[in-house]
Amino acid sequence: MSILSGFKPFNFNEGVPYVSVTTNGVTFNKSVVMKLDYPEHVVLLIDEEGKRIAIQACGENTENAAQFYKPKKNDVISVRWNGRDLLNTLQAITGWNLNEKAFRVEGTLLKSERAMLFDLSEATELK
């Protein structure tokens, strides 16, 4: 048995998970998709009081499941949701004016929950 048994290689291609919120939509980067193991469906969870959102991997028959990752012909790994209702909800929670500014929020992986948490109060403005 090797002293390295139990170790896993680190994937430098994943990077830091984040979500971008712009007037055009909500985009989850490659790292979010990879760290959640390419889920086809997720549930979007919203904590209005705490100004947080989370996505949790789930099956397609889960109540409120939304389509998430679907392989693309150009091999781009990201997910974009363009729903106006979602953008309006995020603006109401945060007070953001997405017509004037766009934001990026880093995610925290909740591995045991198969979820990614985003604290909207820690968003940084995109230039």
C-alpha atoms as a PDB file:
ATOM      1  CA  MET A   1       0.000   0.000   0.000  1.00  0.00           C
ATOM      2  CA  SER A   2       1.364   3.419  -0.982  1.00  0.00           C
ATOM      3  CA  ILE A   3       1.688   6.264   1.489  1.00  0.00           C
ATOM      4  CA  LEU A   4      -0.306   8.258  -1.086  1.00  0.00           C
ATOM      5  CA  SER A   5      -3.341   5.962  -1.058  1.00  0.00           C
ATOM      6  CA  GLY A   6      -6.422   7.995  -0.233  1.00  0.00           C
ATOM      7  CA  PHE A   7      -5.028  11.121  -1.898  1.00  0.00           C
ATOM      8  CA  LYS A   8      -6.832  12.633  -4.894  1.00  0.00           C
ATOM      9  CA  PRO A   9      -5.274  14.889  -7.513  1.00  0.00           C
ATOM     10  CA  PHE A  10      -6.171  18.579  -7.297  1.00  0.00           C
ATOM     11  CA  ASN A  11      -7.935  19.912 -10.392  1.00  0.00           C
ATOM     12  CA  PHE A  12      -6.446  23.325 -11.192  1.00  0.00           C
ATOM     13  CA  ASN A  13      -8.991  23.766 -14.021  1.00  0.00           C
ATOM     14  CA  GLU A  14     -11.972  24.127 -11.696  1.00  0.00           C
ATOM     15  CA  GLY A  15     -11.116  27.512 -10.190  1.00  0.00           C
ATOM     16  CA  VAL A  16     -13.246  29.526  -7.796  1.00  0.00           C
ATOM     17  CA  PRO A  17     -17.010  29.002  -8.037  1.00  0.00           C
ATOM     18  CA  TYR A  18     -19.095  32.120  -8.617  1.00  0.00           C
ATOM     19  CA  VAL A  19     -22.348  33.413 -10.003  1.00  0.00           C
ATOM     20  CA  SER A  20     -22.637  36.567 -12.100  1.00  0.00           C
ATOM     21  CA  VAL A  21     -25.854  38.583 -11.968  1.00  0.00           C
ATOM     22  CA  THR A  22     -26.400  41.022 -14.831  1.00  0.00           C
ATOM     23  CA  THR A  23     -29.332  42.552 -16.638  1.00  0.00           C
ATOM     24  CA  ASN A  24     -29.037  39.648 -19.114  1.00  0.00           C
ATOM     25  CA  GLY A  25     -29.305  36.851 -16.564  1.00  0.00           C
ATOM     26  CA  VAL A  26     -27.749  34.785 -13.817  1.00  0.00           C
ATOM     27  CA  THR A  27     -24.668  32.813 -14.896  1.00  0.00           C
ATOM     28  CA  PHE A  28     -23.033  30.051 -12.877  1.00  0.00           C
ATOM     29  CA  ASN A  29     -19.412  29.504 -13.912  1.00  0.00           C
ATOM     30  CA  LYS A  30     -17.638  26.271 -14.807  1.00  0.00           C
ATOM     31  CA  SER A  31     -16.409  25.728 -11.264  1.00  0.00           C
ATOM     32  CA  VAL A  32     -19.958  25.653  -9.857  1.00  0.00           C
ATOM     33  CA  VAL A  33     -20.958  23.006 -12.386  1.00  0.00           C
ATOM     34  CA  MET A  34     -17.817  20.928 -11.809  1.00  0.00           C
ATOM     35  CA  LYS A  35     -17.839  21.104  -8.006  1.00  0.00           C
ATOM     36  CA  LEU A  36     -21.489  19.969  -7.968  1.00  0.00           C
ATOM     37  CA  ASP A  37     -20.551  17.118 -10.336  1.00  0.00           C
ATOM     38  CA  TYR A  38     -22.435  18.334 -13.427  1.00  0.00           C
ATOM     39  CA  PRO A  39     -26.010  18.126 -12.101  1.00  0.00           C
ATOM     40  CA  GLU A  40     -28.719  18.080 -14.760  1.00  0.00           C
ATOM     41  CA  HIS A  41     -31.234  19.568 -12.318  1.00  0.00           C
ATOM     42  CA  VAL A  42     -31.080  21.770  -9.242  1.00  0.00           C
ATOM     43  CA  VAL A  43     -33.454  23.485  -6.877  1.00  0.00           C
ATOM     44  CA  LEU A  44     -32.890  27.199  -6.382  1.00  0.00           C
ATOM     45  CA  LEU A  45     -33.301  28.138  -2.722  1.00  0.00           C
ATOM     46  CA  ILE A  46     -33.724  31.763  -1.621  1.00  0.00           C
ATOM     47  CA  ASP A  47     -33.140  33.212   1.854  1.00  0.00           C
ATOM     48  CA  GLU A  48     -34.581  36.718   1.451  1.00  0.00           C
ATOM     49  CA  GLU A  49     -33.841  37.841   5.011  1.00  0.00           C
ATOM     50  CA  GLY A  50     -30.238  36.612   4.895  1.00  0.00           C
ATOM     51  CA  LYS A  51     -29.783  37.829   1.297  1.00  0.00           C
ATOM     52  CA  ARG A  52     -28.506  34.432   0.197  1.00  0.00           C
ATOM     53  CA  ILE A  53     -29.268  31.981  -2.565  1.00  0.00           C
ATOM     54  CA  ALA A  54     -28.268  28.365  -2.929  1.00  0.00           C
ATOM     55  CA  ILE A  55     -28.557  25.757  -5.612  1.00  0.00           C
ATOM     56  CA  GLN A  56     -28.877  22.115  -4.657  1.00  0.00           C
ATOM     57  CA  ALA A  57     -28.466  19.189  -7.038  1.00  0.00           C
ATOM     58  CA  CYS A  58     -31.585  17.057  -7.336  1.00  0.00           C
ATOM     59  CA  GLY A  59     -33.479  14.690  -9.583  1.00  0.00           C
ATOM     60  CA  GLU A  60     -35.690  15.931 -12.393  1.00  0.00           C
ATOM     61  CA  ASN A  61     -38.842  14.863 -10.510  1.00  0.00           C
ATOM     62  CA  THR A  62     -37.994  16.892  -7.408  1.00  0.00           C
ATOM     63  CA  GLU A  63     -40.536  19.622  -6.690  1.00  0.00           C
ATOM     64  CA  ASN A  64     -39.379  22.951  -8.206  1.00  0.00           C
ATOM     65  CA  ALA A  65     -36.441  21.282  -9.975  1.00  0.00           C
ATOM     66  CA  ALA A  66     -34.923  23.487 -12.677  1.00  0.00           C
ATOM     67  CA  GLN A  67     -32.841  22.288 -15.584  1.00  0.00           C
ATOM     68  CA  PHE A  68     -29.206  23.076 -14.894  1.00  0.00           C
ATOM     69  CA  TYR A  69     -26.254  21.605 -16.748  1.00  0.00           C
ATOM     70  CA  LYS A  70     -26.612  20.269 -20.246  1.00  0.00           C
ATOM     71  CA  PRO A  71     -23.468  19.538 -22.313  1.00  0.00           C
ATOM     72  CA  LYS A  72     -23.033  21.981 -25.188  1.00  0.00           C
ATOM     73  CA  LYS A  73     -21.577  21.295 -28.614  1.00  0.00           C
ATOM     74  CA  ASN A  74     -18.925  23.994 -28.067  1.00  0.00           C
ATOM     75  CA  ASP A  75     -17.820  22.352 -24.765  1.00  0.00           C
ATOM     76  CA  VAL A  76     -18.532  25.517 -22.739  1.00  0.00           C
ATOM     77  CA  ILE A  77     -19.255  24.555 -19.144  1.00  0.00           C
ATOM     78  CA  SER A  78     -21.533  27.153 -17.568  1.00  0.00           C
ATOM     79  CA  VAL A  79     -25.226  27.672 -16.910  1.00  0.00           C
ATOM     80  CA  ARG A  80     -27.265  30.805 -17.622  1.00  0.00           C
ATOM     81  CA  TRP A  81     -30.765  31.512 -16.411  1.00  0.00           C
ATOM     82  CA  ASN A  82     -32.486  34.458 -18.118  1.00  0.00           C
ATOM     83  CA  GLY A  83     -35.777  34.488 -16.203  1.00  0.00           C
ATOM     84  CA  ARG A  84     -37.005  38.037 -15.657  1.00  0.00           C
ATOM     85  CA  ASP A  85     -38.881  36.963 -12.511  1.00  0.00           C
ATOM     86  CA  LEU A  86     -35.633  35.649 -11.004  1.00  0.00           C
ATOM     87  CA  LEU A  87     -33.773  38.864 -11.845  1.00  0.00           C
ATOM     88  CA  ASN A  88     -36.598  40.981 -10.389  1.00  0.00           C
ATOM     89  CA  THR A  89     -36.575  38.856  -7.231  1.00  0.00           C
ATOM     90  CA  LEU A  90     -32.807  39.239  -6.792  1.00  0.00           C
ATOM     91  CA  GLN A  91     -33.051  43.001  -7.342  1.00  0.00           C
ATOM     92  CA  ALA A  92     -35.822  43.249  -4.732  1.00  0.00           C
ATOM     93  CA  ILE A  93     -33.814  41.266  -2.182  1.00  0.00           C
ATOM     94  CA  THR A  94     -30.559  43.176  -2.701  1.00  0.00           C
ATOM     95  CA  GLY A  95     -31.636  46.631  -3.826  1.00  0.00           C
ATOM     96  CA  TRP A  96     -29.417  46.283  -6.902  1.00  0.00           C
ATOM     97  CA  ASN A  97     -30.234  48.120 -10.131  1.00  0.00           C
ATOM     98  CA  LEU A  98     -29.060  45.660 -12.761  1.00  0.00           C
ATOM     99  CA  ASN A  99     -29.605  48.228 -15.515  1.00  0.00           C
ATOM    100  CA  GLU A 100     -26.735  50.216 -13.999  1.00  0.00           C
ATOM    101  CA  LYS A 101     -24.449  47.607 -12.435  1.00  0.00           C
ATOM    102  CA  ALA A 102     -23.630  43.899 -12.596  1.00  0.00           C
ATOM    103  CA  PHE A 103     -22.391  41.725  -9.739  1.00  0.00           C
ATOM    104  CA  ARG A 104     -20.324  38.650  -8.987  1.00  0.00           C
ATOM    105  CA  VAL A 105     -20.754  36.475  -5.904  1.00  0.00           C
ATOM    106  CA  GLU A 106     -18.325  33.732  -4.913  1.00  0.00           C
ATOM    107  CA  GLY A 107     -19.857  30.453  -3.845  1.00  0.00           C
ATOM    108  CA  THR A 108     -19.226  28.108  -0.955  1.00  0.00           C
ATOM    109  CA  LEU A 109     -19.513  24.398  -1.646  1.00  0.00           C
ATOM    110  CA  LEU A 110     -21.667  22.478   0.814  1.00  0.00           C
ATOM    111  CA  LYS A 111     -20.411  19.066  -0.239  1.00  0.00           C
ATOM    112  CA  SER A 112     -22.557  16.961   2.087  1.00  0.00           C
ATOM    113  CA  GLU A 113     -25.659  18.832   0.859  1.00  0.00           C
ATOM    114  CA  ARG A 114     -24.631  18.668  -2.835  1.00  0.00           C
ATOM    115  CA  ALA A 115     -25.212  22.421  -2.825  1.00  0.00           C
ATOM    116  CA  MET A 116     -23.511  25.741  -3.490  1.00  0.00           C
ATOM    117  CA  LEU A 117     -24.266  28.768  -1.299  1.00  0.00           C
ATOM    118  CA  PHE A 118     -23.959  32.386  -2.461  1.00  0.00           C
ATOM    119  CA  ASP A 119     -24.103  35.284   0.015  1.00  0.00           C
ATOM    120  CA  LEU A 120     -25.461  38.187  -2.051  1.00  0.00           C
ATOM    121  CA  SER A 121     -24.402  40.712   0.602  1.00  0.00           C
ATOM    122  CA  GLU A 122     -20.776  39.852  -0.256  1.00  0.00           C
ATOM    123  CA  ALA A 123     -21.151  40.601  -3.974  1.00  0.00           C
ATOM    124  CA  THR A 124     -18.531  42.574  -5.829  1.00  0.00           C
ATOM    125  CA  GLU A 125     -19.378  44.897  -8.680  1.00  0.00           C
ATOM    126  CA  LEU A 126     -18.353  43.759 -12.150  1.00  0.00           C
ATOM    127  CA  LYS A 127     -16.562  46.394 -14.192  1.00  0.00           C
END
